[in-house]
Amino acid sequence: MKAGNSRKSAQPPDTRIDPNRGRKEDGVKVTIYTDGSARGNPGNGGYGAVLSFTNSQGQTFTRELSEGFERTTNNRMELMGAIAALEALRRPCVVTMTTDSQYVVNAFTKGWIAGWQRRGWKTASKQPVKNVDLWRRLIAAAAPHEVTWVWVKGHAGHPENERCDELATAAADGRDLADDAGFKG
């Protein structure tokens, strides 16, 4: 499934997730789960994301996103899952972003990004940061939102994480794979 497409659900088309009717200050809450996968590193890869929103009437709406890419890495797909999910939101939200990628979570929670930016996108050991194109895109996608980054152990029976893994691996194994134009390697 390409980014922006949602899996058909039992809900009629006019009930798509639109948590964005409010503003960040309104406390509109969206829960997002993401995962990335690569068949080889580099190899074909994909991401999966599950977005969930409960409206004021208690109705919960869910949207699934996934896309596959040729010649990419697992870390790039972990980043793309978070990017695609945040870019799918139409207005600022309060987001809980849950992923099994310590690479993604630690960059935000341990201040890695601020350090990279301070050093001109270099690591503490003065090496170029990998995937700068996607880090910049993720920072921009997260900026309008209040995001809490949560790590969950992968392949440990967490239902939403397992679903994201299914979406990511199916996308990686798909036929119509996109070009990961930013991948250098």
N, C-alpha and C. Protein backbone atom coordinates (compact mmCIF):
# COMPACT_ATOMS: atom_id res chain seq x y z
N MET A 1 0.84 -1.17 0.00
CA MET A 1 0.00 0.00 0.00
C MET A 1 0.88 1.23 0.00
N LYS A 2 0.62 2.18 -0.79
CA LYS A 2 1.40 3.41 -0.85
C LYS A 2 1.01 4.32 0.30
N ALA A 3 1.96 5.19 0.70
CA ALA A 3 1.65 6.15 1.77
C ALA A 3 0.45 6.97 1.36
N GLY A 4 -0.39 7.24 2.29
CA GLY A 4 -1.58 8.03 2.00
C GLY A 4 -2.79 7.16 1.74
N ASN A 5 -2.55 5.91 1.38
CA ASN A 5 -3.68 5.00 1.21
C ASN A 5 -3.98 4.39 2.55
N SER A 6 -5.21 4.20 2.84
CA SER A 6 -5.56 3.55 4.09
C SER A 6 -6.24 2.24 3.79
N ARG A 7 -6.05 1.30 4.69
CA ARG A 7 -6.68 0.00 4.53
C ARG A 7 -8.17 0.19 4.67
N LYS A 8 -8.93 -0.51 3.86
CA LYS A 8 -10.39 -0.44 3.96
C LYS A 8 -10.82 -0.97 5.31
N SER A 9 -11.76 -0.30 5.91
CA SER A 9 -12.26 -0.74 7.20
C SER A 9 -13.78 -0.79 7.14
N ALA A 10 -14.36 -1.20 8.25
CA ALA A 10 -15.81 -1.30 8.32
C ALA A 10 -16.46 0.08 8.40
N GLN A 11 -15.65 1.11 8.63
CA GLN A 11 -16.18 2.46 8.74
C GLN A 11 -16.50 3.01 7.35
N PRO A 12 -17.56 3.78 7.21
CA PRO A 12 -17.83 4.42 5.92
C PRO A 12 -16.74 5.43 5.60
N PRO A 13 -16.54 5.78 4.31
CA PRO A 13 -15.44 6.65 3.91
C PRO A 13 -15.41 8.00 4.62
N ASP A 14 -16.54 8.54 5.03
CA ASP A 14 -16.54 9.87 5.64
C ASP A 14 -16.10 9.85 7.11
N THR A 15 -15.70 8.69 7.63
CA THR A 15 -15.25 8.62 9.01
C THR A 15 -13.74 8.37 9.09
N ARG A 16 -12.99 8.75 8.06
CA ARG A 16 -11.55 8.63 8.10
C ARG A 16 -11.02 9.39 9.31
N ILE A 17 -9.84 9.02 9.73
CA ILE A 17 -9.23 9.75 10.85
C ILE A 17 -9.09 11.20 10.46
N ASP A 18 -9.66 12.06 11.24
CA ASP A 18 -9.42 13.49 11.10
C ASP A 18 -9.29 14.08 12.50
N PRO A 19 -8.21 13.65 13.18
CA PRO A 19 -8.01 14.17 14.53
C PRO A 19 -7.63 15.64 14.47
N ASN A 20 -7.39 16.10 13.29
CA ASN A 20 -6.86 17.44 13.10
C ASN A 20 -7.92 18.52 13.13
N ARG A 21 -9.12 18.17 13.46
CA ARG A 21 -10.16 19.20 13.52
C ARG A 21 -9.87 20.21 14.62
N GLY A 22 -9.13 19.79 15.63
CA GLY A 22 -8.75 20.69 16.71
C GLY A 22 -7.32 21.18 16.52
N ARG A 23 -6.84 21.88 17.52
CA ARG A 23 -5.47 22.36 17.50
C ARG A 23 -4.71 21.64 18.61
N LYS A 24 -3.39 21.74 18.56
CA LYS A 24 -2.57 21.10 19.56
C LYS A 24 -3.02 21.49 20.97
N GLU A 25 -3.35 22.75 21.13
CA GLU A 25 -3.76 23.24 22.44
C GLU A 25 -5.08 22.60 22.90
N ASP A 26 -5.87 22.12 21.96
CA ASP A 26 -7.15 21.51 22.30
C ASP A 26 -6.98 20.11 22.90
N GLY A 27 -5.78 19.58 22.86
CA GLY A 27 -5.53 18.26 23.42
C GLY A 27 -6.02 17.12 22.55
N VAL A 28 -6.16 17.32 21.24
CA VAL A 28 -6.56 16.25 20.34
C VAL A 28 -5.43 15.21 20.36
N LYS A 29 -5.77 13.99 20.77
CA LYS A 29 -4.76 12.98 20.98
C LYS A 29 -4.80 11.91 19.89
N VAL A 30 -3.64 11.62 19.35
CA VAL A 30 -3.48 10.57 18.35
C VAL A 30 -2.40 9.62 18.84
N THR A 31 -2.68 8.33 18.75
CA THR A 31 -1.70 7.32 19.09
C THR A 31 -1.19 6.72 17.80
N ILE A 32 0.14 6.68 17.66
CA ILE A 32 0.76 6.16 16.45
C ILE A 32 1.74 5.05 16.83
N TYR A 33 1.70 3.97 16.08
CA TYR A 33 2.66 2.88 16.20
C TYR A 33 3.34 2.76 14.85
N THR A 34 4.66 2.55 14.84
CA THR A 34 5.37 2.41 13.58
C THR A 34 6.41 1.29 13.67
N ASP A 35 6.78 0.80 12.49
CA ASP A 35 7.87 -0.17 12.39
C ASP A 35 8.46 -0.08 11.00
N GLY A 36 9.73 -0.44 10.90
CA GLY A 36 10.41 -0.50 9.62
C GLY A 36 11.02 -1.86 9.44
N SER A 37 11.27 -2.21 8.19
CA SER A 37 11.82 -3.52 7.87
C SER A 37 12.70 -3.40 6.64
N ALA A 38 13.77 -4.18 6.60
CA ALA A 38 14.59 -4.27 5.39
C ALA A 38 14.99 -5.72 5.20
N ARG A 39 14.91 -6.18 3.98
CA ARG A 39 15.31 -7.54 3.61
C ARG A 39 16.75 -7.46 3.12
N GLY A 40 17.66 -7.47 4.05
CA GLY A 40 19.06 -7.17 3.77
C GLY A 40 19.27 -5.73 4.20
N ASN A 41 20.52 -5.38 4.41
CA ASN A 41 20.79 -4.03 4.91
C ASN A 41 22.03 -3.49 4.21
N PRO A 42 21.94 -3.02 2.97
CA PRO A 42 20.71 -2.60 2.29
C PRO A 42 20.00 -3.75 1.58
N GLY A 43 18.74 -3.46 1.29
CA GLY A 43 17.89 -4.39 0.55
C GLY A 43 16.53 -3.76 0.38
N ASN A 44 15.58 -4.54 -0.12
CA ASN A 44 14.21 -4.04 -0.19
C ASN A 44 13.71 -3.80 1.22
N GLY A 45 12.95 -2.73 1.40
CA GLY A 45 12.47 -2.41 2.73
C GLY A 45 11.07 -1.83 2.70
N GLY A 46 10.50 -1.67 3.87
CA GLY A 46 9.18 -1.09 3.96
C GLY A 46 8.93 -0.59 5.37
N TYR A 47 7.89 0.22 5.48
CA TYR A 47 7.46 0.68 6.80
C TYR A 47 5.98 0.40 6.96
N GLY A 48 5.55 0.35 8.20
CA GLY A 48 4.14 0.23 8.52
C GLY A 48 3.82 1.18 9.66
N ALA A 49 2.63 1.74 9.63
CA ALA A 49 2.19 2.65 10.69
C ALA A 49 0.71 2.43 10.94
N VAL A 50 0.33 2.49 12.20
CA VAL A 50 -1.07 2.42 12.61
C VAL A 50 -1.35 3.68 13.42
N LEU A 51 -2.31 4.47 12.95
CA LEU A 51 -2.72 5.70 13.63
C LEU A 51 -4.10 5.47 14.22
N SER A 52 -4.30 5.93 15.44
CA SER A 52 -5.58 5.73 16.12
C SER A 52 -6.00 7.03 16.80
N PHE A 53 -7.27 7.34 16.67
CA PHE A 53 -7.83 8.57 17.22
C PHE A 53 -9.21 8.25 17.79
N THR A 54 -9.50 8.72 19.00
CA THR A 54 -10.82 8.57 19.59
C THR A 54 -11.45 9.95 19.70
N ASN A 55 -12.63 10.10 19.09
CA ASN A 55 -13.28 11.42 19.11
C ASN A 55 -14.03 11.64 20.42
N SER A 56 -14.63 12.81 20.55
CA SER A 56 -15.30 13.18 21.80
C SER A 56 -16.53 12.32 22.09
N GLN A 57 -17.05 11.62 21.08
CA GLN A 57 -18.18 10.71 21.29
C GLN A 57 -17.72 9.30 21.66
N GLY A 58 -16.40 9.12 21.77
CA GLY A 58 -15.86 7.81 22.14
C GLY A 58 -15.66 6.87 20.98
N GLN A 59 -15.84 7.34 19.75
CA GLN A 59 -15.63 6.50 18.58
C GLN A 59 -14.14 6.50 18.25
N THR A 60 -13.58 5.31 18.03
CA THR A 60 -12.18 5.19 17.67
C THR A 60 -12.05 4.91 16.19
N PHE A 61 -11.14 5.64 15.56
CA PHE A 61 -10.86 5.49 14.13
C PHE A 61 -9.41 5.11 13.96
N THR A 62 -9.17 4.18 13.05
CA THR A 62 -7.83 3.68 12.82
C THR A 62 -7.49 3.77 11.35
N ARG A 63 -6.25 4.13 11.08
CA ARG A 63 -5.76 4.20 9.70
C ARG A 63 -4.40 3.51 9.65
N GLU A 64 -4.20 2.70 8.64
CA GLU A 64 -2.93 2.01 8.45
C GLU A 64 -2.23 2.56 7.21
N LEU A 65 -0.92 2.74 7.33
CA LEU A 65 -0.10 3.21 6.21
C LEU A 65 1.06 2.25 6.02
N SER A 66 1.47 2.07 4.77
CA SER A 66 2.68 1.30 4.49
C SER A 66 3.16 1.62 3.10
N GLU A 67 4.44 1.42 2.89
CA GLU A 67 5.04 1.60 1.57
C GLU A 67 6.35 0.84 1.53
N GLY A 68 6.67 0.30 0.36
CA GLY A 68 7.91 -0.44 0.18
C GLY A 68 8.89 0.31 -0.71
N PHE A 69 10.17 0.08 -0.48
CA PHE A 69 11.24 0.75 -1.22
C PHE A 69 12.30 -0.25 -1.66
N GLU A 70 12.91 0.03 -2.79
CA GLU A 70 14.06 -0.74 -3.25
C GLU A 70 15.32 -0.18 -2.61
N ARG A 71 16.25 -1.04 -2.35
CA ARG A 71 17.59 -0.65 -1.87
C ARG A 71 17.55 0.44 -0.81
N THR A 72 17.32 0.00 0.40
CA THR A 72 17.23 0.90 1.54
C THR A 72 17.77 0.19 2.77
N THR A 73 17.63 0.78 3.92
CA THR A 73 18.08 0.14 5.16
C THR A 73 16.95 0.11 6.18
N ASN A 74 17.13 -0.71 7.20
CA ASN A 74 16.13 -0.81 8.25
C ASN A 74 15.95 0.54 8.95
N ASN A 75 17.06 1.21 9.27
CA ASN A 75 16.94 2.50 9.97
C ASN A 75 16.19 3.53 9.13
N ARG A 76 16.41 3.54 7.82
CA ARG A 76 15.68 4.48 6.96
C ARG A 76 14.18 4.17 6.99
N MET A 77 13.84 2.90 7.03
CA MET A 77 12.42 2.53 7.06
C MET A 77 11.79 2.84 8.42
N GLU A 78 12.56 2.71 9.50
CA GLU A 78 12.07 3.11 10.82
C GLU A 78 11.74 4.60 10.80
N LEU A 79 12.62 5.40 10.23
CA LEU A 79 12.38 6.84 10.12
C LEU A 79 11.17 7.13 9.23
N MET A 80 11.07 6.44 8.10
CA MET A 80 9.96 6.68 7.17
C MET A 80 8.61 6.36 7.78
N GLY A 81 8.54 5.34 8.63
CA GLY A 81 7.27 5.03 9.29
C GLY A 81 6.79 6.20 10.14
N ALA A 82 7.70 6.78 10.92
CA ALA A 82 7.33 7.93 11.76
C ALA A 82 7.00 9.14 10.90
N ILE A 83 7.78 9.37 9.85
CA ILE A 83 7.54 10.51 8.96
C ILE A 83 6.17 10.41 8.31
N ALA A 84 5.88 9.27 7.70
CA ALA A 84 4.61 9.09 6.99
C ALA A 84 3.42 9.29 7.92
N ALA A 85 3.52 8.76 9.13
CA ALA A 85 2.42 8.89 10.08
C ALA A 85 2.19 10.35 10.48
N LEU A 86 3.27 11.06 10.80
CA LEU A 86 3.12 12.46 11.19
C LEU A 86 2.67 13.33 10.02
N GLU A 87 3.16 13.04 8.83
CA GLU A 87 2.74 13.82 7.66
C GLU A 87 1.29 13.56 7.29
N ALA A 88 0.71 12.46 7.76
CA ALA A 88 -0.70 12.16 7.47
C ALA A 88 -1.65 13.01 8.32
N LEU A 89 -1.15 13.59 9.40
CA LEU A 89 -1.98 14.44 10.26
C LEU A 89 -2.15 15.80 9.61
N ARG A 90 -3.37 16.29 9.61
CA ARG A 90 -3.67 17.54 8.89
C ARG A 90 -3.52 18.79 9.73
N ARG A 91 -3.56 18.66 11.04
CA ARG A 91 -3.43 19.80 11.94
C ARG A 91 -2.63 19.37 13.15
N PRO A 92 -2.13 20.31 13.95
CA PRO A 92 -1.35 19.94 15.13
C PRO A 92 -2.13 19.07 16.11
N CYS A 93 -1.46 18.07 16.65
CA CYS A 93 -2.07 17.11 17.57
C CYS A 93 -1.11 16.82 18.72
N VAL A 94 -1.65 16.21 19.75
CA VAL A 94 -0.84 15.64 20.82
C VAL A 94 -0.67 14.17 20.45
N VAL A 95 0.57 13.78 20.18
CA VAL A 95 0.86 12.46 19.62
C VAL A 95 1.67 11.62 20.59
N THR A 96 1.26 10.38 20.75
CA THR A 96 2.11 9.39 21.40
C THR A 96 2.62 8.49 20.28
N MET A 97 3.92 8.56 20.01
CA MET A 97 4.56 7.81 18.93
C MET A 97 5.30 6.63 19.55
N THR A 98 4.82 5.42 19.25
CA THR A 98 5.41 4.21 19.80
C THR A 98 6.08 3.43 18.68
N THR A 99 7.35 3.10 18.90
CA THR A 99 8.14 2.37 17.92
C THR A 99 9.08 1.41 18.62
N ASP A 100 9.53 0.39 17.91
CA ASP A 100 10.53 -0.52 18.48
C ASP A 100 11.94 -0.09 18.09
N SER A 101 12.07 1.11 17.53
CA SER A 101 13.37 1.61 17.10
C SER A 101 13.99 2.52 18.16
N GLN A 102 14.99 2.00 18.85
CA GLN A 102 15.72 2.84 19.80
C GLN A 102 16.45 3.96 19.06
N TYR A 103 16.85 3.70 17.83
CA TYR A 103 17.49 4.70 16.98
C TYR A 103 16.63 5.96 16.88
N VAL A 104 15.34 5.78 16.62
CA VAL A 104 14.43 6.91 16.48
C VAL A 104 14.12 7.53 17.85
N VAL A 105 13.73 6.71 18.81
CA VAL A 105 13.33 7.24 20.12
C VAL A 105 14.48 7.96 20.80
N ASN A 106 15.66 7.34 20.84
CA ASN A 106 16.79 7.95 21.54
C ASN A 106 17.24 9.26 20.91
N ALA A 107 17.09 9.38 19.61
CA ALA A 107 17.47 10.65 18.96
C ALA A 107 16.70 11.82 19.54
N PHE A 108 15.45 11.59 19.90
CA PHE A 108 14.62 12.65 20.49
C PHE A 108 14.74 12.71 22.01
N THR A 109 14.71 11.56 22.67
CA THR A 109 14.66 11.56 24.13
C THR A 109 16.02 11.77 24.79
N LYS A 110 17.09 11.44 24.08
CA LYS A 110 18.44 11.59 24.66
C LYS A 110 19.19 12.79 24.10
N GLY A 111 18.50 13.62 23.31
CA GLY A 111 19.11 14.85 22.83
C GLY A 111 20.11 14.69 21.70
N TRP A 112 20.11 13.54 21.04
CA TRP A 112 21.07 13.33 19.96
C TRP A 112 20.89 14.37 18.86
N ILE A 113 19.64 14.64 18.50
CA ILE A 113 19.38 15.56 17.39
C ILE A 113 19.95 16.94 17.68
N ALA A 114 19.73 17.44 18.86
CA ALA A 114 20.25 18.77 19.21
C ALA A 114 21.78 18.79 19.08
N GLY A 115 22.43 17.73 19.52
CA GLY A 115 23.89 17.64 19.40
C GLY A 115 24.33 17.57 17.95
N TRP A 116 23.65 16.76 17.16
CA TRP A 116 23.99 16.67 15.73
C TRP A 116 23.87 18.03 15.06
N GLN A 117 22.79 18.73 15.35
CA GLN A 117 22.57 20.03 14.73
C GLN A 117 23.64 21.03 15.18
N ARG A 118 23.97 21.01 16.46
CA ARG A 118 24.99 21.91 17.01
C ARG A 118 26.34 21.69 16.32
N ARG A 119 26.62 20.42 16.00
CA ARG A 119 27.90 20.06 15.38
C ARG A 119 27.82 20.04 13.85
N GLY A 120 26.78 20.62 13.27
CA GLY A 120 26.65 20.63 11.81
C GLY A 120 26.38 19.25 11.23
N TRP A 121 25.50 18.49 11.88
CA TRP A 121 25.10 17.15 11.48
C TRP A 121 26.28 16.19 11.49
N LYS A 122 27.07 16.29 12.56
CA LYS A 122 28.16 15.35 12.84
C LYS A 122 27.86 14.67 14.16
N THR A 123 28.31 13.43 14.29
CA THR A 123 28.15 12.70 15.54
C THR A 123 29.17 13.22 16.56
N ALA A 124 29.08 12.73 17.79
CA ALA A 124 30.05 13.13 18.82
C ALA A 124 31.47 12.75 18.41
N SER A 125 31.60 11.69 17.59
CA SER A 125 32.93 11.28 17.10
C SER A 125 33.31 11.97 15.78
N LYS A 126 32.59 13.04 15.46
CA LYS A 126 32.85 13.89 14.30
C LYS A 126 32.62 13.20 12.95
N GLN A 127 31.82 12.13 12.95
CA GLN A 127 31.44 11.44 11.72
C GLN A 127 30.13 12.03 11.21
N PRO A 128 29.92 12.03 9.89
CA PRO A 128 28.63 12.52 9.37
C PRO A 128 27.47 11.67 9.89
N VAL A 129 26.40 12.32 10.27
CA VAL A 129 25.19 11.61 10.70
C VAL A 129 24.58 10.93 9.48
N LYS A 130 24.20 9.67 9.63
CA LYS A 130 23.55 8.96 8.53
C LYS A 130 22.09 9.38 8.45
N ASN A 131 21.55 9.34 7.26
CA ASN A 131 20.12 9.58 7.01
C ASN A 131 19.68 11.00 7.33
N VAL A 132 20.57 11.97 7.13
CA VAL A 132 20.26 13.37 7.45
C VAL A 132 19.01 13.82 6.71
N ASP A 133 18.83 13.38 5.47
CA ASP A 133 17.64 13.79 4.71
C ASP A 133 16.36 13.41 5.44
N LEU A 134 16.33 12.21 6.01
CA LEU A 134 15.13 11.76 6.72
C LEU A 134 15.02 12.37 8.12
N TRP A 135 16.14 12.58 8.80
CA TRP A 135 16.09 13.24 10.10
C TRP A 135 15.50 14.64 9.96
N ARG A 136 15.94 15.37 8.93
CA ARG A 136 15.40 16.72 8.72
C ARG A 136 13.90 16.66 8.41
N ARG A 137 13.52 15.70 7.62
CA ARG A 137 12.10 15.55 7.28
C ARG A 137 11.28 15.17 8.51
N LEU A 138 11.82 14.30 9.36
CA LEU A 138 11.11 13.90 10.57
C LEU A 138 10.98 15.07 11.54
N ILE A 139 12.03 15.84 11.69
CA ILE A 139 11.97 17.02 12.56
C ILE A 139 10.89 17.98 12.08
N ALA A 140 10.83 18.20 10.77
CA ALA A 140 9.81 19.09 10.20
C ALA A 140 8.41 18.51 10.40
N ALA A 141 8.26 17.19 10.22
CA ALA A 141 6.95 16.55 10.37
C ALA A 141 6.49 16.58 11.82
N ALA A 142 7.41 16.50 12.76
CA ALA A 142 7.05 16.50 14.18
C ALA A 142 6.80 17.91 14.72
N ALA A 143 7.36 18.92 14.09
CA ALA A 143 7.33 20.29 14.62
C ALA A 143 5.95 20.82 14.98
N PRO A 144 4.91 20.60 14.17
CA PRO A 144 3.60 21.17 14.53
C PRO A 144 2.91 20.45 15.69
N HIS A 145 3.44 19.32 16.08
CA HIS A 145 2.77 18.45 17.06
C HIS A 145 3.52 18.44 18.39
N GLU A 146 2.81 18.02 19.41
CA GLU A 146 3.43 17.73 20.70
C GLU A 146 3.60 16.22 20.74
N VAL A 147 4.85 15.76 20.53
CA VAL A 147 5.10 14.32 20.36
C VAL A 147 5.82 13.76 21.59
N THR A 148 5.28 12.67 22.11
CA THR A 148 5.94 11.88 23.14
C THR A 148 6.44 10.62 22.46
N TRP A 149 7.73 10.36 22.57
CA TRP A 149 8.37 9.22 21.91
C TRP A 149 8.48 8.08 22.90
N VAL A 150 7.94 6.91 22.50
CA VAL A 150 7.89 5.75 23.39
C VAL A 150 8.51 4.55 22.68
N TRP A 151 9.40 3.87 23.39
CA TRP A 151 9.99 2.65 22.84
C TRP A 151 9.26 1.44 23.38
N VAL A 152 9.04 0.45 22.50
CA VAL A 152 8.45 -0.82 22.90
C VAL A 152 9.34 -1.92 22.30
N LYS A 153 9.54 -2.98 23.04
CA LYS A 153 10.36 -4.09 22.55
C LYS A 153 9.67 -4.74 21.35
N GLY A 154 10.41 -4.89 20.27
CA GLY A 154 9.86 -5.50 19.06
C GLY A 154 9.72 -7.01 19.19
N HIS A 155 8.78 -7.57 18.46
CA HIS A 155 8.55 -9.02 18.40
C HIS A 155 8.31 -9.60 19.80
N ALA A 156 7.60 -8.81 20.61
CA ALA A 156 7.33 -9.25 21.99
C ALA A 156 5.83 -9.38 22.24
N GLY A 157 5.04 -9.47 21.18
CA GLY A 157 3.61 -9.70 21.34
C GLY A 157 2.77 -8.45 21.51
N HIS A 158 3.34 -7.28 21.33
CA HIS A 158 2.56 -6.03 21.41
C HIS A 158 1.71 -5.95 20.14
N PRO A 159 0.37 -6.00 20.25
CA PRO A 159 -0.48 -6.15 19.06
C PRO A 159 -0.25 -5.09 17.98
N GLU A 160 -0.18 -3.82 18.35
CA GLU A 160 -0.02 -2.78 17.34
C GLU A 160 1.37 -2.82 16.71
N ASN A 161 2.39 -3.11 17.52
CA ASN A 161 3.74 -3.24 16.97
C ASN A 161 3.81 -4.43 16.02
N GLU A 162 3.17 -5.52 16.39
CA GLU A 162 3.14 -6.71 15.51
C GLU A 162 2.43 -6.39 14.20
N ARG A 163 1.34 -5.62 14.27
CA ARG A 163 0.62 -5.24 13.05
C ARG A 163 1.51 -4.36 12.17
N CYS A 164 2.23 -3.42 12.78
CA CYS A 164 3.14 -2.58 12.00
C CYS A 164 4.22 -3.41 11.34
N ASP A 165 4.72 -4.42 12.04
CA ASP A 165 5.72 -5.32 11.47
C ASP A 165 5.15 -6.06 10.27
N GLU A 166 3.90 -6.52 10.38
CA GLU A 166 3.25 -7.20 9.24
C GLU A 166 3.15 -6.26 8.04
N LEU A 167 2.72 -5.02 8.30
CA LEU A 167 2.60 -4.04 7.22
C LEU A 167 3.96 -3.75 6.58
N ALA A 168 4.98 -3.57 7.42
CA ALA A 168 6.31 -3.23 6.92
C ALA A 168 6.91 -4.37 6.09
N THR A 169 6.79 -5.59 6.58
CA THR A 169 7.39 -6.71 5.85
C THR A 169 6.61 -6.99 4.56
N ALA A 170 5.29 -6.86 4.60
CA ALA A 170 4.50 -7.04 3.37
C ALA A 170 4.87 -5.97 2.34
N ALA A 171 5.09 -4.74 2.80
CA ALA A 171 5.49 -3.67 1.88
C ALA A 171 6.86 -3.96 1.29
N ALA A 172 7.79 -4.43 2.12
CA ALA A 172 9.14 -4.76 1.64
C ALA A 172 9.11 -5.88 0.62
N ASP A 173 8.16 -6.79 0.76
CA ASP A 173 8.05 -7.94 -0.14
C ASP A 173 7.15 -7.66 -1.34
N GLY A 174 6.61 -6.45 -1.41
CA GLY A 174 5.66 -6.10 -2.48
C GLY A 174 6.33 -5.96 -3.84
N ARG A 175 5.50 -5.73 -4.83
CA ARG A 175 5.98 -5.63 -6.22
C ARG A 175 6.30 -4.20 -6.65
N ASP A 176 5.47 -3.24 -6.27
CA ASP A 176 5.64 -1.86 -6.73
C ASP A 176 6.45 -1.07 -5.71
N LEU A 177 7.75 -1.33 -5.69
CA LEU A 177 8.60 -0.67 -4.71
C LEU A 177 9.08 0.67 -5.22
N ALA A 178 9.06 1.66 -4.35
CA ALA A 178 9.51 3.01 -4.70
C ALA A 178 11.03 3.06 -4.62
N ASP A 179 11.59 4.09 -5.21
CA ASP A 179 13.02 4.35 -5.16
C ASP A 179 13.31 5.16 -3.90
N ASP A 180 14.23 4.72 -3.08
CA ASP A 180 14.65 5.49 -1.92
C ASP A 180 15.76 6.42 -2.39
N ALA A 181 15.35 7.54 -2.94
CA ALA A 181 16.27 8.47 -3.60
C ALA A 181 17.35 9.00 -2.67
N GLY A 182 17.07 9.07 -1.38
CA GLY A 182 18.04 9.62 -0.43
C GLY A 182 19.07 8.62 0.05
N PHE A 183 18.90 7.34 -0.28
CA PHE A 183 19.83 6.32 0.22
C PHE A 183 21.16 6.43 -0.52
N LYS A 184 22.21 6.48 0.27
CA LYS A 184 23.56 6.49 -0.29
C LYS A 184 24.29 5.31 0.29
N GLY A 185 24.64 4.37 -0.55
CA GLY A 185 25.36 3.22 0.00
C GLY A 185 25.48 2.09 -0.95
